[in-house]
Amino acid sequence: MTRGYSRSKADYLIRLRKIEGQVRGLQHMIEDDRWCPDIVQQVASVTAALQEVAAGLLDCHLQHCVLDAARSSDREGRARLDEVASTIRQVLRL
């Protein structure tokens, strides 16, 4: 099965590795007793980066999986839309 993000998989992996580096940087900031507002600002940066990844993946899912399901049948399309709505509700509960 081909995932909607398959074409951008390498880009997502690069982004996630950068985020991983940012998280390691946060650990070092804590170890080095850095100023709290600086750490919080970096946490916000990591959070925004992860949200961008999530938004991109959701967009790929809509453009690929949901659209293909809707083209195949009304029932399948509705099932995929319900799945997306559920995912969005979960994310908003963060």
C-alpha atoms as a PDB file:
ATOM      1  CA  MET A   1       0.000   0.000   0.000  1.00  0.00           C
ATOM      2  CA  THR A   2       1.301   3.415  -0.945  1.00  0.00           C
ATOM      3  CA  ARG A   3       0.952   6.090   1.708  1.00  0.00           C
ATOM      4  CA  GLY A   4       0.025   9.645   0.806  1.00  0.00           C
ATOM      5  CA  TYR A   5       3.328  10.959   2.112  1.00  0.00           C
ATOM      6  CA  SER A   6       5.460   8.484   0.126  1.00  0.00           C
ATOM      7  CA  ARG A   7       6.695  11.111  -2.328  1.00  0.00           C
ATOM      8  CA  SER A   8       7.735  13.389   0.530  1.00  0.00           C
ATOM      9  CA  LYS A   9       9.040  10.683   2.860  1.00  0.00           C
ATOM     10  CA  ALA A  10      12.655  11.833   2.612  1.00  0.00           C
ATOM     11  CA  ASP A  11      11.636  15.429   3.364  1.00  0.00           C
ATOM     12  CA  TYR A  12       9.641  14.334   6.415  1.00  0.00           C
ATOM     13  CA  LEU A  13      12.557  12.290   7.695  1.00  0.00           C
ATOM     14  CA  ILE A  14      14.894  15.275   7.286  1.00  0.00           C
ATOM     15  CA  ARG A  15      12.459  17.504   9.181  1.00  0.00           C
ATOM     16  CA  LEU A  16      12.061  14.956  11.965  1.00  0.00           C
ATOM     17  CA  ARG A  17      15.828  14.591  12.315  1.00  0.00           C
ATOM     18  CA  LYS A  18      16.108  18.372  12.636  1.00  0.00           C
ATOM     19  CA  ILE A  19      13.418  18.307  15.304  1.00  0.00           C
ATOM     20  CA  GLU A  20      15.281  15.502  17.051  1.00  0.00           C
ATOM     21  CA  GLY A  21      18.353  17.750  17.094  1.00  0.00           C
ATOM     22  CA  GLN A  22      16.291  20.593  18.523  1.00  0.00           C
ATOM     23  CA  VAL A  23      15.062  18.320  21.313  1.00  0.00           C
ATOM     24  CA  ARG A  24      18.634  17.294  22.103  1.00  0.00           C
ATOM     25  CA  GLY A  25      19.463  21.002  22.210  1.00  0.00           C
ATOM     26  CA  LEU A  26      16.676  21.483  24.744  1.00  0.00           C
ATOM     27  CA  GLN A  27      18.181  18.763  26.895  1.00  0.00           C
ATOM     28  CA  HIS A  28      21.531  20.544  26.787  1.00  0.00           C
ATOM     29  CA  MET A  29      19.887  23.831  27.680  1.00  0.00           C
ATOM     30  CA  ILE A  30      18.406  22.236  30.792  1.00  0.00           C
ATOM     31  CA  GLU A  31      21.731  20.585  31.655  1.00  0.00           C
ATOM     32  CA  ASP A  32      23.468  23.962  31.269  1.00  0.00           C
ATOM     33  CA  ASP A  33      20.919  25.736  33.490  1.00  0.00           C
ATOM     34  CA  ARG A  34      19.917  28.148  30.743  1.00  0.00           C
ATOM     35  CA  TRP A  35      17.419  30.938  31.268  1.00  0.00           C
ATOM     36  CA  CYS A  36      13.813  29.607  31.448  1.00  0.00           C
ATOM     37  CA  PRO A  37      12.317  31.943  28.810  1.00  0.00           C
ATOM     38  CA  ASP A  38      14.984  30.838  26.307  1.00  0.00           C
ATOM     39  CA  ILE A  39      14.101  27.187  26.924  1.00  0.00           C
ATOM     40  CA  VAL A  40      10.379  27.852  26.641  1.00  0.00           C
ATOM     41  CA  GLN A  41      10.959  29.681  23.358  1.00  0.00           C
ATOM     42  CA  GLN A  42      12.824  26.659  21.999  1.00  0.00           C
ATOM     43  CA  VAL A  43      10.045  24.320  23.201  1.00  0.00           C
ATOM     44  CA  ALA A  44       7.584  26.478  21.259  1.00  0.00           C
ATOM     45  CA  SER A  45       9.808  26.201  18.190  1.00  0.00           C
ATOM     46  CA  VAL A  46       9.901  22.408  18.419  1.00  0.00           C
ATOM     47  CA  THR A  47       6.154  22.293  18.961  1.00  0.00           C
ATOM     48  CA  ALA A  48       5.544  24.442  15.879  1.00  0.00           C
ATOM     49  CA  ALA A  49       7.875  22.260  13.808  1.00  0.00           C
ATOM     50  CA  LEU A  50       6.001  19.122  14.880  1.00  0.00           C
ATOM     51  CA  GLN A  51       2.681  20.785  14.114  1.00  0.00           C
ATOM     52  CA  GLU A  52       3.928  21.575  10.602  1.00  0.00           C
ATOM     53  CA  VAL A  53       4.839  17.914  10.105  1.00  0.00           C
ATOM     54  CA  ALA A  54       1.401  16.869  11.352  1.00  0.00           C
ATOM     55  CA  ALA A  55      -0.348  19.378   9.076  1.00  0.00           C
ATOM     56  CA  GLY A  56       1.673  18.186   6.093  1.00  0.00           C
ATOM     57  CA  LEU A  57       0.899  14.545   6.799  1.00  0.00           C
ATOM     58  CA  LEU A  58      -2.780  15.323   7.194  1.00  0.00           C
ATOM     59  CA  ASP A  59      -2.751  17.228   3.910  1.00  0.00           C
ATOM     60  CA  CYS A  60      -1.096  14.269   2.170  1.00  0.00           C
ATOM     61  CA  HIS A  61      -3.704  11.953   3.684  1.00  0.00           C
ATOM     62  CA  LEU A  62      -6.523  14.151   2.411  1.00  0.00           C
ATOM     63  CA  GLN A  63      -5.008  14.545  -1.057  1.00  0.00           C
ATOM     64  CA  HIS A  64      -4.200  10.876  -1.488  1.00  0.00           C
ATOM     65  CA  CYS A  65      -6.086   8.460   0.773  1.00  0.00           C
ATOM     66  CA  VAL A  66      -9.314  10.371   1.309  1.00  0.00           C
ATOM     67  CA  LEU A  67      -9.600  11.514  -2.295  1.00  0.00           C
ATOM     68  CA  ASP A  68      -8.926   7.999  -3.618  1.00  0.00           C
ATOM     69  CA  ALA A  69     -11.472   6.529  -1.195  1.00  0.00           C
ATOM     70  CA  ALA A  70     -14.090   9.101  -2.213  1.00  0.00           C
ATOM     71  CA  ARG A  71     -13.494   8.284  -5.863  1.00  0.00           C
ATOM     72  CA  SER A  72     -13.893   4.573  -5.239  1.00  0.00           C
ATOM     73  CA  SER A  73     -17.183   4.809  -3.317  1.00  0.00           C
ATOM     74  CA  ASP A  74     -19.287   7.171  -1.289  1.00  0.00           C
ATOM     75  CA  ARG A  75     -19.106   4.794   1.693  1.00  0.00           C
ATOM     76  CA  GLU A  76     -15.315   4.604   1.612  1.00  0.00           C
ATOM     77  CA  GLY A  77     -15.012   8.363   1.194  1.00  0.00           C
ATOM     78  CA  ARG A  78     -17.239   9.006   4.195  1.00  0.00           C
ATOM     79  CA  ALA A  79     -15.291   6.491   6.281  1.00  0.00           C
ATOM     80  CA  ARG A  80     -12.018   8.269   5.481  1.00  0.00           C
ATOM     81  CA  LEU A  81     -13.547  11.673   6.226  1.00  0.00           C
ATOM     82  CA  ASP A  82     -14.759  10.352   9.593  1.00  0.00           C
ATOM     83  CA  GLU A  83     -11.232   9.119  10.245  1.00  0.00           C
ATOM     84  CA  VAL A  84      -9.801  12.565   9.469  1.00  0.00           C
ATOM     85  CA  ALA A  85     -12.378  14.288  11.663  1.00  0.00           C
ATOM     86  CA  SER A  86     -11.492  11.950  14.528  1.00  0.00           C
ATOM     87  CA  THR A  87      -7.787  12.664  14.068  1.00  0.00           C
ATOM     88  CA  ILE A  88      -8.407  16.409  14.109  1.00  0.00           C
ATOM     89  CA  ARG A  89     -10.469  16.095  17.295  1.00  0.00           C
ATOM     90  CA  GLN A  90      -7.618  14.160  18.938  1.00  0.00           C
ATOM     91  CA  VAL A  91      -5.068  16.780  17.928  1.00  0.00           C
ATOM     92  CA  LEU A  92      -7.212  19.641  19.180  1.00  0.00           C
ATOM     93  CA  ARG A  93      -7.420  18.012  22.601  1.00  0.00           C
ATOM     94  CA  LEU A  94      -3.690  18.457  23.060  1.00  0.00           C
END
